Amino acid sequence: MRRISPTARKGLLTLHLVTSLGWLGADLVLLTLGIAVQRGADPAVVYPVTALVGTVLFAPLSVLVWLVGVASALLTPWGLWRYRWVLVKLVLTTVLVGLVLFLLTPNLRHAGAVGAALPARDRADLVIAPAVSTSLMIIATVLSTYKPWGRRPAAQPARAGRGSNP
């Protein structure tokens, strides 16, 4: 795939950072709202807000972060498969997006619809899920910052003249 100019790469990185920070911020809002209900806030008021944040902000941002991240990997020298840290981030983000779209968002909508009638076990899930996803987003951020592990062995460039047969 064609590489992009340094200016375009910086623009893509900026977009990835902004969408990722927005996703993390929305996740922290969901966590805060879930904790507020656990501490006595009115679920009939809080859960419709969580449903709104989850469906209008959190879920779309999760997809956007994944798309921009994949585009960044494919259009820059990092590549999608070359480095372990990129691959781990891809797997983490893909799992998170799947969980957001297929589990958390429907649960948030349900909580918004039933409000105070939501069972205690389901209320706990609305705290645990954002706490776990926040932790995984922080791990992804650490991977992006420190870029551990180097290249994957299959992605190592072959050295000329070393053990090669003509």
C-alpha atoms as a PDB file:
ATOM      1  CA  MET A   1       0.000   0.000   0.000  1.00  0.00           C
ATOM      2  CA  ARG A   2       1.168   3.518  -0.760  1.00  0.00           C
ATOM      3  CA  ARG A   3       2.729   5.456   2.090  1.00  0.00           C
ATOM      4  CA  ILE A   4       1.543   8.987   2.851  1.00  0.00           C
ATOM      5  CA  SER A   5       3.491  12.212   3.256  1.00  0.00           C
ATOM      6  CA  PRO A   6       4.861  13.215   6.673  1.00  0.00           C
ATOM      7  CA  THR A   7       2.245  15.990   6.917  1.00  0.00           C
ATOM      8  CA  ALA A   8      -0.610  13.588   6.165  1.00  0.00           C
ATOM      9  CA  ARG A   9       0.876  11.076   8.624  1.00  0.00           C
ATOM     10  CA  LYS A  10       0.889  13.718  11.368  1.00  0.00           C
ATOM     11  CA  GLY A  11      -2.705  14.604  10.513  1.00  0.00           C
ATOM     12  CA  LEU A  12      -3.712  10.946  10.753  1.00  0.00           C
ATOM     13  CA  LEU A  13      -1.843  10.601  14.055  1.00  0.00           C
ATOM     14  CA  THR A  14      -3.605  13.698  15.384  1.00  0.00           C
ATOM     15  CA  LEU A  15      -6.986  12.301  14.336  1.00  0.00           C
ATOM     16  CA  HIS A  16      -6.134   8.987  16.017  1.00  0.00           C
ATOM     17  CA  LEU A  17      -5.121  10.768  19.227  1.00  0.00           C
ATOM     18  CA  VAL A  18      -8.228  12.976  19.291  1.00  0.00           C
ATOM     19  CA  THR A  19     -10.640  10.099  18.639  1.00  0.00           C
ATOM     20  CA  SER A  20      -8.843   7.856  21.136  1.00  0.00           C
ATOM     21  CA  LEU A  21      -8.929  10.531  23.820  1.00  0.00           C
ATOM     22  CA  GLY A  22     -12.606  11.116  23.083  1.00  0.00           C
ATOM     23  CA  TRP A  23     -13.279   7.385  23.405  1.00  0.00           C
ATOM     24  CA  LEU A  24     -11.396   7.242  26.708  1.00  0.00           C
ATOM     25  CA  GLY A  25     -13.223  10.338  27.952  1.00  0.00           C
ATOM     26  CA  ALA A  26     -16.619   8.895  27.055  1.00  0.00           C
ATOM     27  CA  ASP A  27     -15.627   5.676  28.801  1.00  0.00           C
ATOM     28  CA  LEU A  28     -14.707   7.602  31.941  1.00  0.00           C
ATOM     29  CA  VAL A  29     -18.071   9.389  31.792  1.00  0.00           C
ATOM     30  CA  LEU A  30     -19.844   5.998  31.621  1.00  0.00           C
ATOM     31  CA  LEU A  31     -17.767   4.756  34.552  1.00  0.00           C
ATOM     32  CA  THR A  32     -18.573   7.891  36.557  1.00  0.00           C
ATOM     33  CA  LEU A  33     -22.295   7.568  35.854  1.00  0.00           C
ATOM     34  CA  GLY A  34     -22.262   3.875  36.789  1.00  0.00           C
ATOM     35  CA  ILE A  35     -20.512   4.668  40.065  1.00  0.00           C
ATOM     36  CA  ALA A  36     -22.976   7.506  40.722  1.00  0.00           C
ATOM     37  CA  VAL A  37     -25.879   5.030  40.619  1.00  0.00           C
ATOM     38  CA  GLN A  38     -23.998   2.659  42.919  1.00  0.00           C
ATOM     39  CA  ARG A  39     -23.562   5.544  45.362  1.00  0.00           C
ATOM     40  CA  GLY A  40     -27.239   6.480  45.372  1.00  0.00           C
ATOM     41  CA  ALA A  41     -27.948   8.640  42.312  1.00  0.00           C
ATOM     42  CA  ASP A  42     -31.379   8.142  40.769  1.00  0.00           C
ATOM     43  CA  PRO A  43     -31.112   5.420  38.077  1.00  0.00           C
ATOM     44  CA  ALA A  44     -34.228   6.800  36.372  1.00  0.00           C
ATOM     45  CA  VAL A  45     -32.232   9.984  35.699  1.00  0.00           C
ATOM     46  CA  VAL A  46     -28.724   8.561  35.209  1.00  0.00           C
ATOM     47  CA  TYR A  47     -29.380   5.535  32.988  1.00  0.00           C
ATOM     48  CA  PRO A  48     -31.049   7.455  30.137  1.00  0.00           C
ATOM     49  CA  VAL A  49     -27.946   9.685  30.107  1.00  0.00           C
ATOM     50  CA  THR A  50     -25.653   6.633  29.998  1.00  0.00           C
ATOM     51  CA  ALA A  51     -27.683   5.252  27.105  1.00  0.00           C
ATOM     52  CA  LEU A  52     -27.333   8.554  25.258  1.00  0.00           C
ATOM     53  CA  VAL A  53     -23.570   8.793  25.884  1.00  0.00           C
ATOM     54  CA  GLY A  54     -23.093   5.148  24.937  1.00  0.00           C
ATOM     55  CA  THR A  55     -25.044   5.210  21.690  1.00  0.00           C
ATOM     56  CA  VAL A  56     -24.301   8.717  20.415  1.00  0.00           C
ATOM     57  CA  LEU A  57     -20.687   9.121  21.553  1.00  0.00           C
ATOM     58  CA  PHE A  58     -19.016   5.980  22.895  1.00  0.00           C
ATOM     59  CA  ALA A  59     -20.005   3.411  20.246  1.00  0.00           C
ATOM     60  CA  PRO A  60     -19.332   5.646  17.200  1.00  0.00           C
ATOM     61  CA  LEU A  61     -15.982   6.735  18.648  1.00  0.00           C
ATOM     62  CA  SER A  62     -14.964   3.105  19.187  1.00  0.00           C
ATOM     63  CA  VAL A  63     -15.528   2.343  15.493  1.00  0.00           C
ATOM     64  CA  LEU A  64     -13.791   5.553  14.419  1.00  0.00           C
ATOM     65  CA  VAL A  65     -10.755   4.812  16.597  1.00  0.00           C
ATOM     66  CA  TRP A  66     -10.489   1.323  15.074  1.00  0.00           C
ATOM     67  CA  LEU A  67     -10.812   2.635  11.500  1.00  0.00           C
ATOM     68  CA  VAL A  68      -8.293   5.453  11.978  1.00  0.00           C
ATOM     69  CA  GLY A  69      -5.891   3.083  13.754  1.00  0.00           C
ATOM     70  CA  VAL A  70      -6.031   0.545  10.925  1.00  0.00           C
ATOM     71  CA  ALA A  71      -5.600   3.320   8.344  1.00  0.00           C
ATOM     72  CA  SER A  72      -2.624   4.670  10.310  1.00  0.00           C
ATOM     73  CA  ALA A  73      -0.999   1.259  10.425  1.00  0.00           C
ATOM     74  CA  LEU A  74      -1.555   0.574   6.736  1.00  0.00           C
ATOM     75  CA  LEU A  75      -0.464   4.004   5.496  1.00  0.00           C
ATOM     76  CA  THR A  76       2.643   4.443   7.652  1.00  0.00           C
ATOM     77  CA  PRO A  77       5.878   2.496   8.041  1.00  0.00           C
ATOM     78  CA  TRP A  78       4.552   0.811  11.209  1.00  0.00           C
ATOM     79  CA  GLY A  79       2.409  -1.557   9.184  1.00  0.00           C
ATOM     80  CA  LEU A  80      -0.356  -3.732  10.556  1.00  0.00           C
ATOM     81  CA  TRP A  81       1.622  -6.948  11.070  1.00  0.00           C
ATOM     82  CA  ARG A  82       5.267  -5.836  11.391  1.00  0.00           C
ATOM     83  CA  TYR A  83       5.402  -4.962  15.081  1.00  0.00           C
ATOM     84  CA  ARG A  84       4.015  -6.944  17.989  1.00  0.00           C
ATOM     85  CA  TRP A  85       2.821  -3.849  19.834  1.00  0.00           C
ATOM     86  CA  VAL A  86       0.741  -2.786  16.806  1.00  0.00           C
ATOM     87  CA  LEU A  87      -0.729  -6.273  16.530  1.00  0.00           C
ATOM     88  CA  VAL A  88      -1.556  -6.375  20.264  1.00  0.00           C
ATOM     89  CA  LYS A  89      -3.214  -2.939  20.010  1.00  0.00           C
ATOM     90  CA  LEU A  90      -5.202  -4.125  16.992  1.00  0.00           C
ATOM     91  CA  VAL A  91      -6.434  -7.203  18.866  1.00  0.00           C
ATOM     92  CA  LEU A  92      -7.251  -5.189  22.024  1.00  0.00           C
ATOM     93  CA  THR A  93      -9.116  -2.528  20.079  1.00  0.00           C
ATOM     94  CA  THR A  94     -10.981  -5.059  17.936  1.00  0.00           C
ATOM     95  CA  VAL A  95     -12.131  -6.954  21.036  1.00  0.00           C
ATOM     96  CA  LEU A  96     -13.146  -3.705  22.743  1.00  0.00           C
ATOM     97  CA  VAL A  97     -15.100  -2.503  19.715  1.00  0.00           C
ATOM     98  CA  GLY A  98     -16.906  -5.847  19.507  1.00  0.00           C
ATOM     99  CA  LEU A  99     -17.781  -5.740  23.201  1.00  0.00           C
ATOM    100  CA  VAL A 100     -18.935  -2.123  22.944  1.00  0.00           C
ATOM    101  CA  LEU A 101     -21.142  -2.739  19.916  1.00  0.00           C
ATOM    102  CA  PHE A 102     -22.603  -6.128  20.805  1.00  0.00           C
ATOM    103  CA  LEU A 103     -22.739  -6.125  24.617  1.00  0.00           C
ATOM    104  CA  LEU A 104     -22.293  -2.740  26.267  1.00  0.00           C
ATOM    105  CA  THR A 105     -24.389  -0.580  23.926  1.00  0.00           C
ATOM    106  CA  PRO A 106     -27.446  -2.892  24.088  1.00  0.00           C
ATOM    107  CA  ASN A 107     -27.042  -3.057  27.894  1.00  0.00           C
ATOM    108  CA  LEU A 108     -26.878   0.733  28.105  1.00  0.00           C
ATOM    109  CA  ARG A 109     -30.004   1.076  25.967  1.00  0.00           C
ATOM    110  CA  HIS A 110     -31.800  -1.460  28.146  1.00  0.00           C
ATOM    111  CA  ALA A 111     -30.716   0.352  31.317  1.00  0.00           C
ATOM    112  CA  GLY A 112     -31.932   3.636  29.836  1.00  0.00           C
ATOM    113  CA  ALA A 113     -35.297   2.086  29.092  1.00  0.00           C
ATOM    114  CA  VAL A 114     -35.914   0.391  32.457  1.00  0.00           C
ATOM    115  CA  GLY A 115     -34.141   2.881  34.757  1.00  0.00           C
ATOM    116  CA  ALA A 116     -34.644   2.008  38.424  1.00  0.00           C
ATOM    117  CA  ALA A 117     -36.065  -1.426  37.538  1.00  0.00           C
ATOM    118  CA  LEU A 118     -32.602  -2.576  36.383  1.00  0.00           C
ATOM    119  CA  PRO A 119     -31.452  -5.486  38.608  1.00  0.00           C
ATOM    120  CA  ALA A 120     -28.463  -4.948  40.915  1.00  0.00           C
ATOM    121  CA  ARG A 121     -26.326  -7.449  38.955  1.00  0.00           C
ATOM    122  CA  ASP A 122     -26.865  -5.481  35.751  1.00  0.00           C
ATOM    123  CA  ARG A 123     -26.086  -2.232  37.574  1.00  0.00           C
ATOM    124  CA  ALA A 124     -22.735  -3.683  38.631  1.00  0.00           C
ATOM    125  CA  ASP A 125     -22.022  -4.605  34.998  1.00  0.00           C
ATOM    126  CA  LEU A 126     -22.412  -0.931  34.065  1.00  0.00           C
ATOM    127  CA  VAL A 127     -19.499  -0.154  36.395  1.00  0.00           C
ATOM    128  CA  ILE A 128     -17.330  -3.198  35.665  1.00  0.00           C
ATOM    129  CA  ALA A 129     -17.458  -2.887  31.852  1.00  0.00           C
ATOM    130  CA  PRO A 130     -16.200   0.717  31.685  1.00  0.00           C
ATOM    131  CA  ALA A 131     -13.586  -0.013  34.369  1.00  0.00           C
ATOM    132  CA  VAL A 132     -12.202  -2.915  32.331  1.00  0.00           C
ATOM    133  CA  SER A 133     -12.310  -1.010  29.045  1.00  0.00           C
ATOM    134  CA  THR A 134     -10.585   2.003  30.619  1.00  0.00           C
ATOM    135  CA  SER A 135      -7.819  -0.304  31.823  1.00  0.00           C
ATOM    136  CA  LEU A 136      -7.427  -1.843  28.360  1.00  0.00           C
ATOM    137  CA  MET A 137      -7.339   1.615  26.739  1.00  0.00           C
ATOM    138  CA  ILE A 138      -4.577   2.633  29.133  1.00  0.00           C
ATOM    139  CA  ILE A 139      -2.642  -0.518  28.211  1.00  0.00           C
ATOM    140  CA  ALA A 140      -3.039   0.363  24.514  1.00  0.00           C
ATOM    141  CA  THR A 141      -1.748   3.864  25.271  1.00  0.00           C
ATOM    142  CA  VAL A 142       1.300   2.461  27.064  1.00  0.00           C
ATOM    143  CA  LEU A 143       1.972   0.184  24.069  1.00  0.00           C
ATOM    144  CA  SER A 144       1.806   3.180  21.727  1.00  0.00           C
ATOM    145  CA  THR A 145       4.132   5.181  23.929  1.00  0.00           C
ATOM    146  CA  TYR A 146       6.823   2.573  24.674  1.00  0.00           C
ATOM    147  CA  LYS A 147       6.494   0.378  21.541  1.00  0.00           C
ATOM    148  CA  PRO A 148       7.850  -2.771  23.210  1.00  0.00           C
ATOM    149  CA  TRP A 149       9.006  -6.083  21.706  1.00  0.00           C
ATOM    150  CA  GLY A 150      10.358  -4.864  18.380  1.00  0.00           C
ATOM    151  CA  ARG A 151       9.503  -6.426  15.036  1.00  0.00           C
ATOM    152  CA  ARG A 152       7.796  -9.765  14.641  1.00  0.00           C
ATOM    153  CA  PRO A 153      10.236 -12.460  13.433  1.00  0.00           C
ATOM    154  CA  ALA A 154       8.327 -12.982  10.170  1.00  0.00           C
ATOM    155  CA  ALA A 155       8.545  -9.238   9.515  1.00  0.00           C
ATOM    156  CA  GLN A 156      12.348  -9.053   9.947  1.00  0.00           C
ATOM    157  CA  PRO A 157      14.046  -8.072   6.712  1.00  0.00           C
ATOM    158  CA  ALA A 158      16.311 -10.779   5.302  1.00  0.00           C
ATOM    159  CA  ARG A 159      20.036 -10.030   5.489  1.00  0.00           C
ATOM    160  CA  ALA A 160      21.840 -10.378   2.214  1.00  0.00           C
ATOM    161  CA  GLY A 161      24.595 -12.978   2.013  1.00  0.00           C
ATOM    162  CA  ARG A 162      23.784 -14.686   5.279  1.00  0.00           C
ATOM    163  CA  GLY A 163      22.895 -18.307   4.817  1.00  0.00           C
ATOM    164  CA  SER A 164      21.206 -17.765   1.490  1.00  0.00           C
ATOM    165  CA  ASN A 165      21.463 -20.248  -1.324  1.00  0.00           C
ATOM    166  CA  PRO A 166      21.546 -19.019  -4.925  1.00  0.00           C
END
